[in-house]
Amino acid sequence: MELVKPSRDRLPSYLDAVRRGWMGDRPLFGSTEALLALAALDQDRVLDCLSDRETNGELYFPDGSTAPRIPALFRWMWDEDGFAGNIDLRWQPGTDVLPDYVPGHVGYGTVGWKQGHGYATKALSQMLPLAKLEGLNFVELVTSDDNHASVRVIEKNAGVLAERFRQVPLLGGGDALRWHILL
């Protein structure tokens, strides 16, 4: 598995995963239907959304609300069969602090049919040097308190539990864990 930039030649594999139920990028597009409709009209616009390190556009939340984007770096997990998942780094220039609607500096997910192969662990380890290059002193990751697979990924990357807390309603509420990885 390697991390790759979203690209036109890899887009069909990504869209196939979306059609099979993958929606790790929901905050960018709002829904599977919206992403597929946009891809049918303008694949370059989809790639622009996944390549935009700036703050253009909005994030979409399950309750229908939106919020301004912050800078982000997107990468796809890629193996010999194609798209295997994604990972993204989010930050605000000049600070380690995030808005309360952003659940951590790093978010990742592996498609269901490729889980259990260590891809997320490897992807996170490869993303950490990029976070340091963006000036972060640490990365914060948020998991639900019952996401044991994600906990293992974070712990394998030297993550330390910072706190148990309740997610803001915008992100679905619920009990969550906040982790830190020093860079």
Protein backbone atom coordinates (compact mmCIF):
# COMPACT_ATOMS: atom_id res chain seq x y z
CA MET A 1 0.00 0.00 0.00
CA GLU A 2 1.17 3.48 -0.83
CA LEU A 3 -0.32 6.94 -0.42
CA VAL A 4 -1.06 8.68 -3.71
CA LYS A 5 -2.52 12.01 -4.70
CA PRO A 6 -6.03 11.86 -6.14
CA SER A 7 -5.67 11.78 -9.92
CA ARG A 8 -7.72 11.36 -13.08
CA ASP A 9 -6.22 7.97 -13.91
CA ARG A 10 -7.11 6.63 -10.44
CA LEU A 11 -10.54 8.27 -10.24
CA PRO A 12 -12.46 5.29 -11.76
CA SER A 13 -11.28 2.99 -8.94
CA TYR A 14 -12.27 5.58 -6.33
CA LEU A 15 -15.71 6.06 -7.92
CA ASP A 16 -16.18 2.29 -8.06
CA ALA A 17 -15.55 2.18 -4.29
CA VAL A 18 -18.11 4.98 -3.82
CA ARG A 19 -20.68 2.99 -5.82
CA ARG A 20 -19.92 0.00 -3.58
CA GLY A 21 -20.74 2.04 -0.47
CA TRP A 22 -17.57 3.98 0.35
CA MET A 23 -18.19 7.55 1.46
CA GLY A 24 -15.15 8.61 3.44
CA ASP A 25 -15.27 12.06 1.84
CA ARG A 26 -18.89 12.84 2.75
CA PRO A 27 -18.06 16.25 4.32
CA LEU A 28 -16.70 17.45 0.96
CA PHE A 29 -19.64 16.40 -1.17
CA GLY A 30 -22.59 15.99 1.20
CA SER A 31 -23.75 12.61 -0.08
CA THR A 32 -22.87 9.71 -2.34
CA GLU A 33 -25.47 10.90 -4.82
CA ALA A 34 -23.99 14.40 -4.93
CA LEU A 35 -20.48 13.04 -5.49
CA LEU A 36 -21.56 10.68 -8.27
CA ALA A 37 -23.66 13.39 -9.94
CA LEU A 38 -20.72 15.80 -9.86
CA ALA A 39 -18.38 13.10 -11.22
CA ALA A 40 -20.79 12.44 -14.11
CA LEU A 41 -20.74 16.14 -15.01
CA ASP A 42 -17.21 17.22 -14.17
CA GLN A 43 -14.56 14.77 -12.98
CA ASP A 44 -12.01 17.57 -12.81
CA ARG A 45 -14.18 19.35 -10.23
CA VAL A 46 -14.19 16.20 -8.05
CA LEU A 47 -10.41 16.09 -8.28
CA ASP A 48 -10.20 19.80 -7.52
CA CYS A 49 -12.17 19.22 -4.31
CA LEU A 50 -9.82 16.39 -3.35
CA SER A 51 -6.69 18.35 -4.25
CA ASP A 52 -7.63 21.75 -2.79
CA ARG A 53 -5.23 22.58 0.04
CA GLU A 54 -6.86 25.95 0.45
CA THR A 55 -10.09 26.92 2.14
CA ASN A 56 -12.35 26.99 -0.90
CA GLY A 57 -15.87 25.70 -0.42
CA GLU A 58 -17.77 24.29 2.49
CA LEU A 59 -18.01 21.13 4.54
CA TYR A 60 -21.37 19.33 4.68
CA PHE A 61 -22.66 17.64 7.83
CA PRO A 62 -25.23 14.87 8.34
CA ASP A 63 -27.77 17.33 9.76
CA GLY A 64 -27.67 19.38 6.53
CA SER A 65 -25.62 22.24 7.95
CA THR A 66 -22.39 23.56 6.45
CA ALA A 67 -19.22 25.21 7.70
CA PRO A 68 -16.20 26.79 6.03
CA ARG A 69 -13.43 24.45 4.93
CA ILE A 70 -9.99 24.74 6.44
CA PRO A 71 -6.76 23.80 4.64
CA ALA A 72 -6.50 20.07 3.99
CA LEU A 73 -4.24 17.57 2.29
CA PHE A 74 -5.90 14.47 0.79
CA ARG A 75 -4.28 11.17 -0.09
CA TRP A 76 -5.67 7.85 -1.28
CA MET A 77 -4.51 4.50 0.03
CA TRP A 78 -3.61 2.50 -3.05
CA ASP A 79 -2.66 -1.14 -3.50
CA GLU A 80 -2.24 -3.49 -6.45
CA ASP A 81 -6.03 -3.68 -6.83
CA GLY A 82 -6.64 0.08 -6.70
CA PHE A 83 -8.39 2.34 -4.20
CA ALA A 84 -8.17 1.01 -0.64
CA GLY A 85 -9.18 4.04 1.43
CA ASN A 86 -8.26 7.61 2.16
CA ILE A 87 -6.52 9.78 4.71
CA ASP A 88 -6.58 13.53 5.10
CA LEU A 89 -4.72 16.11 7.14
CA ARG A 90 -6.56 19.25 8.29
CA TRP A 91 -5.07 22.32 9.98
CA GLN A 92 -5.27 26.04 10.51
CA PRO A 93 -2.08 27.90 9.57
CA GLY A 94 -0.09 29.16 12.54
CA THR A 95 -1.86 27.12 15.22
CA ASP A 96 -2.46 23.57 16.39
CA VAL A 97 -6.04 24.49 17.36
CA LEU A 98 -8.96 23.33 15.20
CA PRO A 99 -12.53 24.63 14.96
CA ASP A 100 -14.97 22.53 17.01
CA TYR A 101 -16.61 21.22 13.81
CA VAL A 102 -13.36 19.54 12.67
CA PRO A 103 -12.86 16.14 14.33
CA GLY A 104 -9.08 16.09 14.58
CA HIS A 105 -6.14 16.92 12.35
CA VAL A 106 -6.20 13.52 10.67
CA GLY A 107 -9.09 11.43 9.43
CA TYR A 108 -8.78 8.10 7.66
CA GLY A 109 -10.77 5.11 6.56
CA THR A 110 -10.18 1.86 4.73
CA VAL A 111 -12.82 0.36 2.45
CA GLY A 112 -14.54 -2.59 4.09
CA TRP A 113 -13.17 -5.16 1.69
CA LYS A 114 -9.54 -4.11 2.41
CA GLN A 115 -9.67 -3.77 6.20
CA GLY A 116 -7.39 -5.84 8.39
CA HIS A 117 -4.25 -5.45 6.27
CA GLY A 118 -2.60 -2.60 8.23
CA TYR A 119 -3.32 0.00 5.57
CA ALA A 120 -4.62 2.66 7.97
CA THR A 121 -1.63 2.15 10.30
CA LYS A 122 0.79 2.59 7.43
CA ALA A 123 -1.13 5.55 5.98
CA LEU A 124 -1.10 7.38 9.31
CA SER A 125 2.64 6.79 9.73
CA GLN A 126 3.21 8.25 6.25
CA MET A 127 0.98 11.27 6.95
CA LEU A 128 2.76 12.31 10.16
CA PRO A 129 5.87 13.75 8.43
CA LEU A 130 3.57 15.78 6.16
CA ALA A 131 1.83 17.20 9.25
CA LYS A 132 5.20 18.26 10.64
CA LEU A 133 6.01 19.98 7.34
CA GLU A 134 2.79 22.01 7.75
CA GLY A 135 4.14 23.32 11.07
CA LEU A 136 2.07 21.20 13.45
CA ASN A 137 3.63 20.22 16.79
CA PHE A 138 1.22 17.34 17.25
CA VAL A 139 -1.77 15.82 15.52
CA GLU A 140 -5.07 15.27 17.20
CA LEU A 141 -7.27 12.33 16.21
CA VAL A 142 -10.81 11.63 17.36
CA THR A 143 -12.44 8.21 17.50
CA SER A 144 -15.68 6.91 18.88
CA ASP A 145 -15.05 5.17 22.16
CA ASP A 146 -15.94 1.78 20.65
CA ASN A 147 -13.81 1.98 17.49
CA HIS A 148 -11.20 -0.56 18.59
CA ALA A 149 -9.58 -0.87 15.16
CA SER A 150 -8.92 2.88 14.99
CA VAL A 151 -7.59 2.86 18.55
CA ARG A 152 -5.04 0.20 17.52
CA VAL A 153 -4.02 2.28 14.47
CA ILE A 154 -3.41 5.33 16.63
CA GLU A 155 -1.59 3.43 19.39
CA LYS A 156 0.71 1.77 16.81
CA ASN A 157 1.65 5.31 15.73
CA ALA A 158 2.57 6.41 19.30
CA GLY A 159 -0.81 7.99 20.00
CA VAL A 160 -1.63 8.90 23.58
CA LEU A 161 -5.16 9.25 24.90
CA ALA A 162 -5.70 12.92 25.79
CA GLU A 163 -9.32 12.82 26.94
CA ARG A 164 -12.74 11.24 26.82
CA PHE A 165 -15.39 13.74 25.78
CA ARG A 166 -18.79 14.19 24.20
CA GLN A 167 -18.80 15.10 20.48
CA VAL A 168 -20.54 18.31 19.49
CA PRO A 169 -24.07 17.67 18.15
CA LEU A 170 -22.99 18.83 14.67
CA LEU A 171 -20.73 15.76 14.50
CA GLY A 172 -23.40 13.41 15.82
CA GLY A 173 -22.79 13.75 19.55
CA GLY A 174 -21.84 10.59 21.37
CA ASP A 175 -18.92 9.59 23.52
CA ALA A 176 -15.52 9.99 21.87
CA LEU A 177 -11.82 9.75 22.53
CA ARG A 178 -9.29 12.48 21.67
CA TRP A 179 -5.77 11.27 20.93
CA HIS A 180 -2.49 13.15 20.42
CA ILE A 181 0.60 12.11 18.51
CA LEU A 182 3.64 14.31 19.09
CA LEU A 183 5.60 15.16 15.97
